[in-house]
Amino acid sequence: MTWLRANTLSRWTTDRWLAPALGVAAAAAGLILLLVLVFLLRESAPLLSSHAFMGFFLDAGWYPLEGQFGMLPMVAASLAAAMGALLLAGPLGIISAIFLHFLAPPALARLYRMIVALLAGIPSVVFGLWGLTVLVPLIARWQPPGASLLAAILILTLMILPTVALTSASALAAVPKSLLHGAAALGLTRPGTILRVMLPAARGGIINGALLASARALGETMAVLMVAGNVVQYPGGLFDPVRVLTANIALEMAYATGAHRAGLFASGLLLTLVVMLLAWLAIRANRGGQHV
């Protein structure tokens, strides 16, 4: 009894000190995010506060030396690449999670999870090198020039697939066992249990993972820069070369000055706000997917 009381008091003391420390860490993370936003706003203010701001939406293209800062072609290319990758990686990731959680033997499941985690840890520049030397020439044989929106979508699919697969597997693993037992008691087959019980119950976590994967796809720079072709134009088809916002910042920041530099910071601010929106949606989806 004395040992139990001492152990309880020890845990209470640890918790009492841990809570303020975690609060300080959370406040510091929020403060850093706020400082980043303030920095982006300050650097892009020369352009945002002038009439040139409307050029983001009205100018025909991105010609900063001529005072034209049309971002819509690059915004459209960024969204097309990210959404195309999600359309491919989403179903593949969910199928991988189903195989990992329900169909694979334990030894194979461990090996498969290890491979997926390894894929998630590969640097983006390695994906870019593979895409540039293997994928782009293959696409060029089919439809020149090869460096295109399709190449960007396929590379991003490989990069976000582990995120979708692992988060979906975690969401399925978090579903209460009572739902499985209830489905078995009702006589549902394994496919019926997966499709009608498990996937709906894990919907919130799966959506959460898909939104986080979309945020990564939107924020990816090097791999997309290497395979997309980097032509500022609206994507008229999968084989058109395009330039995304992140690649535009990486290519031009080294020599940008004045309004040109402010325009690049404004595009960075736009990307940050979009990623924050996706993160907020992921939090809402996670709350909505909690099991009762």
Protein backbone atom coordinates (compact mmCIF):
# COMPACT_ATOMS: atom_id res chain seq x y z
CA MET A 1 0.00 0.00 0.00
CA THR A 2 2.84 2.38 0.85
CA TRP A 3 4.56 1.61 -2.47
CA LEU A 4 1.32 2.22 -4.38
CA ARG A 5 0.81 5.56 -2.66
CA ALA A 6 4.41 6.63 -3.37
CA ASN A 7 4.08 5.59 -6.99
CA THR A 8 0.83 7.54 -7.37
CA LEU A 9 2.36 10.64 -5.82
CA SER A 10 5.37 10.32 -8.10
CA ARG A 11 3.15 10.20 -11.18
CA TRP A 12 1.16 13.18 -9.92
CA THR A 13 4.36 15.20 -9.40
CA THR A 14 5.61 14.28 -12.87
CA ASP A 15 2.30 15.25 -14.46
CA ARG A 16 2.25 18.53 -12.56
CA TRP A 17 5.63 19.48 -14.02
CA LEU A 18 4.97 17.99 -17.46
CA ALA A 19 1.80 19.94 -18.21
CA PRO A 20 3.40 23.42 -18.02
CA ALA A 21 6.39 22.22 -20.06
CA LEU A 22 4.12 20.89 -22.80
CA GLY A 23 2.13 24.12 -22.70
CA VAL A 24 5.30 26.16 -23.20
CA ALA A 25 6.35 23.93 -26.11
CA ALA A 26 2.93 24.27 -27.75
CA ALA A 27 2.99 28.06 -27.27
CA ALA A 28 6.48 28.20 -28.78
CA ALA A 29 5.34 26.24 -31.84
CA GLY A 30 2.38 28.57 -32.31
CA LEU A 31 4.62 31.61 -31.87
CA ILE A 32 7.05 30.34 -34.51
CA LEU A 33 4.18 29.86 -36.97
CA LEU A 34 2.94 33.37 -36.20
CA LEU A 35 6.41 34.83 -36.74
CA VAL A 36 6.67 33.04 -40.10
CA LEU A 37 3.35 34.55 -41.18
CA VAL A 38 4.40 38.01 -40.01
CA PHE A 39 7.69 37.68 -41.89
CA LEU A 40 5.93 36.64 -45.10
CA LEU A 41 3.44 39.50 -44.77
CA ARG A 42 6.21 42.03 -44.17
CA GLU A 43 8.29 40.88 -47.13
CA SER A 44 5.33 40.77 -49.51
CA ALA A 45 3.81 44.06 -48.24
CA PRO A 46 5.37 46.26 -50.99
CA LEU A 47 3.36 44.35 -53.57
CA LEU A 48 0.26 43.57 -51.53
CA SER A 49 -0.25 47.22 -50.60
CA SER A 50 -0.06 48.47 -54.19
CA HIS A 51 -2.34 48.20 -57.18
CA ALA A 52 -0.05 45.47 -58.52
CA PHE A 53 -1.75 43.07 -56.10
CA MET A 54 -4.62 42.66 -58.54
CA GLY A 55 -2.10 41.47 -61.10
CA PHE A 56 -1.92 38.18 -59.23
CA PHE A 57 -5.35 37.40 -60.66
CA LEU A 58 -5.59 39.62 -63.77
CA ASP A 59 -2.17 39.51 -65.43
CA ALA A 60 -1.81 37.10 -68.33
CA GLY A 61 1.34 35.48 -66.96
CA TRP A 62 4.39 35.71 -64.75
CA TYR A 63 6.69 38.36 -66.27
CA PRO A 64 8.17 40.11 -63.22
CA LEU A 65 10.69 42.17 -65.20
CA GLU A 66 7.74 43.71 -67.06
CA GLY A 67 5.71 44.23 -63.89
CA GLN A 68 3.30 41.35 -64.50
CA PHE A 69 2.79 38.91 -61.62
CA GLY A 70 0.03 36.58 -62.77
CA MET A 71 0.11 33.60 -60.41
CA LEU A 72 -3.02 31.81 -61.58
CA PRO A 73 -1.21 29.55 -64.12
CA MET A 74 1.14 28.34 -61.38
CA VAL A 75 -1.68 28.03 -58.85
CA ALA A 76 -3.62 25.91 -61.35
CA ALA A 77 -0.53 23.77 -62.02
CA SER A 78 0.11 23.29 -58.29
CA LEU A 79 -3.49 22.24 -57.63
CA ALA A 80 -3.59 19.97 -60.68
CA ALA A 81 -0.38 18.19 -59.67
CA ALA A 82 -1.43 17.78 -56.03
CA MET A 83 -4.98 16.67 -56.77
CA GLY A 84 -3.85 14.31 -59.54
CA ALA A 85 -1.37 12.70 -57.16
CA LEU A 86 -4.04 12.38 -54.48
CA LEU A 87 -6.46 10.74 -56.92
CA LEU A 88 -3.84 8.06 -57.57
CA ALA A 89 -2.30 7.75 -54.13
CA GLY A 90 -5.62 7.80 -52.24
CA PRO A 91 -7.10 4.51 -53.53
CA LEU A 92 -3.68 2.84 -53.65
CA GLY A 93 -2.92 3.88 -50.08
CA ILE A 94 -6.28 2.66 -48.78
CA ILE A 95 -5.86 -0.68 -50.60
CA SER A 96 -2.38 -0.98 -49.10
CA ALA A 97 -3.77 -0.29 -45.63
CA ILE A 98 -6.49 -2.92 -46.07
CA PHE A 99 -3.91 -5.47 -47.19
CA LEU A 100 -1.62 -4.56 -44.32
CA HIS A 101 -4.30 -4.73 -41.64
CA PHE A 102 -6.60 -7.54 -42.79
CA LEU A 103 -5.03 -9.75 -45.44
CA ALA A 104 -1.27 -9.98 -44.96
CA PRO A 105 0.24 -12.60 -42.62
CA PRO A 106 1.98 -11.01 -39.62
CA ALA A 107 5.52 -11.52 -40.96
CA LEU A 108 4.61 -10.13 -44.38
CA ALA A 109 2.73 -7.24 -42.77
CA ARG A 110 5.81 -6.24 -40.77
CA LEU A 111 7.99 -6.41 -43.88
CA TYR A 112 5.44 -4.46 -45.93
CA ARG A 113 5.14 -1.75 -43.28
CA MET A 114 8.93 -1.47 -43.16
CA ILE A 115 9.11 -1.03 -46.94
CA VAL A 116 6.40 1.64 -46.92
CA ALA A 117 8.13 3.49 -44.07
CA LEU A 118 11.41 3.31 -46.00
CA LEU A 119 9.69 4.77 -49.05
CA ALA A 120 8.47 7.65 -46.91
CA GLY A 121 12.03 8.42 -45.81
CA ILE A 122 13.59 8.67 -49.28
CA PRO A 123 14.74 12.28 -49.94
CA SER A 124 12.72 14.17 -52.51
CA VAL A 125 15.78 14.88 -54.64
CA VAL A 126 16.23 11.12 -55.11
CA PHE A 127 12.68 10.85 -56.44
CA GLY A 128 13.48 13.81 -58.70
CA LEU A 129 16.64 12.18 -60.05
CA TRP A 130 14.78 8.94 -60.75
CA GLY A 131 11.98 10.83 -62.44
CA LEU A 132 14.38 12.90 -64.53
CA THR A 133 16.47 9.97 -65.74
CA VAL A 134 13.83 7.22 -66.01
CA LEU A 135 10.26 8.53 -65.93
CA VAL A 136 10.66 11.63 -68.12
CA PRO A 137 12.37 9.70 -70.98
CA LEU A 138 9.64 7.05 -70.84
CA ILE A 139 6.92 9.68 -71.13
CA ALA A 140 8.88 11.41 -73.92
CA ARG A 141 8.76 8.23 -75.99
CA TRP A 142 4.99 8.34 -75.71
CA GLN A 143 4.44 12.09 -75.95
CA PRO A 144 7.32 14.64 -76.05
CA PRO A 145 8.76 16.55 -74.27
CA GLY A 146 8.37 14.17 -71.30
CA ALA A 147 8.86 16.76 -68.57
CA SER A 148 5.22 17.49 -67.90
CA LEU A 149 2.30 17.63 -65.51
CA LEU A 150 1.97 13.85 -65.80
CA ALA A 151 5.55 13.33 -64.63
CA ALA A 152 4.93 15.65 -61.66
CA ILE A 153 1.74 13.78 -60.75
CA LEU A 154 3.45 10.38 -60.86
CA ILE A 155 6.43 11.53 -58.79
CA LEU A 156 4.16 13.15 -56.20
CA THR A 157 2.06 9.97 -56.10
CA LEU A 158 5.12 7.97 -55.07
CA MET A 159 6.03 10.57 -52.47
CA ILE A 160 2.64 10.84 -50.75
CA LEU A 161 1.59 7.20 -51.07
CA PRO A 162 3.34 6.15 -47.81
CA THR A 163 1.58 8.95 -45.91
CA VAL A 164 -1.84 7.82 -47.12
CA ALA A 165 -1.07 4.13 -46.56
CA LEU A 166 0.36 4.47 -43.04
CA THR A 167 -2.28 6.91 -41.78
CA SER A 168 -5.07 4.76 -43.24
CA ALA A 169 -3.60 1.65 -41.61
CA SER A 170 -3.42 3.47 -38.27
CA ALA A 171 -7.03 4.61 -38.66
CA LEU A 172 -8.18 1.04 -39.37
CA ALA A 173 -6.19 -0.27 -36.42
CA ALA A 174 -7.90 2.28 -34.14
CA VAL A 175 -11.40 1.03 -34.95
CA PRO A 176 -12.85 -0.70 -31.85
CA LYS A 177 -12.75 -4.48 -31.95
CA SER A 178 -16.38 -4.52 -30.87
CA LEU A 179 -17.36 -3.40 -34.37
CA LEU A 180 -15.54 -6.38 -35.85
CA HIS A 181 -17.21 -8.73 -33.39
CA GLY A 182 -20.61 -7.23 -34.14
CA ALA A 183 -20.08 -7.62 -37.88
CA ALA A 184 -19.06 -11.24 -37.39
CA ALA A 185 -22.11 -11.87 -35.22
CA LEU A 186 -24.32 -10.50 -37.98
CA GLY A 187 -22.77 -12.87 -40.47
CA LEU A 188 -21.03 -10.30 -42.66
CA THR A 189 -18.30 -11.61 -44.94
CA ARG A 190 -14.78 -10.21 -44.72
CA PRO A 191 -15.24 -7.93 -47.78
CA GLY A 192 -18.56 -6.76 -46.36
CA THR A 193 -17.01 -6.07 -42.97
CA ILE A 194 -14.18 -4.07 -44.54
CA LEU A 195 -16.34 -2.04 -46.91
CA ARG A 196 -19.44 -1.50 -44.75
CA VAL A 197 -18.02 -1.37 -41.24
CA MET A 198 -14.29 -0.73 -41.02
CA LEU A 199 -13.81 1.87 -43.76
CA PRO A 200 -16.79 4.02 -42.66
CA ALA A 201 -15.61 3.82 -39.04
CA ALA A 202 -12.07 4.87 -40.02
CA ARG A 203 -13.27 7.58 -42.40
CA GLY A 204 -12.04 10.48 -40.27
CA GLY A 205 -8.48 9.16 -39.98
CA ILE A 206 -8.32 8.29 -43.67
CA ILE A 207 -9.47 11.76 -44.69
CA ASN A 208 -7.01 13.23 -42.23
CA GLY A 209 -4.14 11.35 -43.88
CA ALA A 210 -5.29 12.35 -47.37
CA LEU A 211 -5.37 16.03 -46.42
CA LEU A 212 -1.90 15.85 -44.88
CA ALA A 213 -0.64 14.11 -48.02
CA SER A 214 -2.19 16.90 -50.12
CA ALA A 215 -0.33 19.47 -48.03
CA ARG A 216 2.94 17.68 -48.68
CA ALA A 217 2.23 17.49 -52.40
CA LEU A 218 1.49 21.21 -52.56
CA GLY A 219 4.68 22.02 -50.66
CA GLU A 220 7.05 19.76 -52.59
CA THR A 221 9.72 21.64 -54.53
CA MET A 222 12.81 19.83 -55.76
CA ALA A 223 11.29 16.69 -57.26
CA VAL A 224 8.58 18.62 -59.11
CA LEU A 225 11.08 21.23 -60.29
CA MET A 226 13.16 18.47 -61.89
CA VAL A 227 10.37 16.74 -63.83
CA ALA A 228 7.58 19.24 -64.54
CA GLY A 229 9.23 21.28 -67.32
CA ASN A 230 8.99 24.69 -65.59
CA VAL A 231 6.95 26.53 -68.21
CA VAL A 232 4.56 29.13 -66.78
CA GLN A 233 1.28 28.25 -68.47
CA TYR A 234 -2.11 26.83 -67.67
CA PRO A 235 -2.04 23.01 -67.83
CA GLY A 236 -4.03 22.20 -70.93
CA GLY A 237 -3.32 18.48 -70.67
CA LEU A 238 -1.29 15.89 -68.83
CA PHE A 239 1.64 16.17 -71.24
CA ASP A 240 2.06 19.94 -70.99
CA PRO A 241 5.14 21.28 -69.16
CA VAL A 242 4.12 23.39 -66.18
CA ARG A 243 5.64 25.30 -63.27
CA VAL A 244 4.32 25.08 -59.72
CA LEU A 245 4.55 27.85 -57.13
CA THR A 246 7.23 26.17 -55.03
CA ALA A 247 9.47 25.60 -58.05
CA ASN A 248 9.01 29.21 -59.11
CA ILE A 249 10.25 30.42 -55.71
CA ALA A 250 13.27 28.10 -55.82
CA LEU A 251 14.22 29.11 -59.36
CA GLU A 252 13.93 32.89 -59.02
CA MET A 253 14.63 33.85 -55.41
CA ALA A 254 18.41 33.96 -55.92
CA TYR A 255 18.25 36.97 -58.25
CA ALA A 256 14.86 38.56 -57.43
CA THR A 257 14.78 42.15 -56.18
CA GLY A 258 12.12 44.76 -55.45
CA ALA A 259 8.61 43.92 -56.56
CA HIS A 260 9.81 40.65 -58.04
CA ARG A 261 11.10 39.51 -54.65
CA ALA A 262 7.89 40.68 -52.96
CA GLY A 263 5.88 38.67 -55.46
CA LEU A 264 7.80 35.51 -54.60
CA PHE A 265 7.15 36.08 -50.90
CA ALA A 266 3.48 36.64 -51.70
CA SER A 267 3.33 33.29 -53.46
CA GLY A 268 4.98 31.72 -50.40
CA LEU A 269 2.33 33.36 -48.21
CA LEU A 270 -0.40 31.94 -50.44
CA LEU A 271 1.07 28.44 -50.17
CA THR A 272 1.35 28.75 -46.39
CA LEU A 273 -2.28 29.77 -46.06
CA VAL A 274 -3.43 26.88 -48.27
CA VAL A 275 -1.42 24.37 -46.22
CA MET A 276 -2.82 25.85 -42.99
CA LEU A 277 -6.33 25.43 -44.40
CA LEU A 278 -5.61 21.79 -45.21
CA ALA A 279 -4.21 21.23 -41.71
CA TRP A 280 -7.35 22.77 -40.19
CA LEU A 281 -9.55 20.54 -42.34
CA ALA A 282 -7.50 17.53 -41.24
CA ILE A 283 -8.11 18.43 -37.59
CA ARG A 284 -11.84 18.78 -38.24
CA ALA A 285 -11.91 15.45 -40.07
CA ASN A 286 -10.06 13.77 -37.23
CA ARG A 287 -12.56 15.12 -34.70
CA GLY A 288 -15.46 14.06 -36.87
CA GLY A 289 -14.03 10.57 -37.20
CA GLN A 290 -13.74 9.82 -33.51
CA HIS A 291 -15.41 6.56 -32.53
CA VAL A 292 -18.37 6.71 -30.26
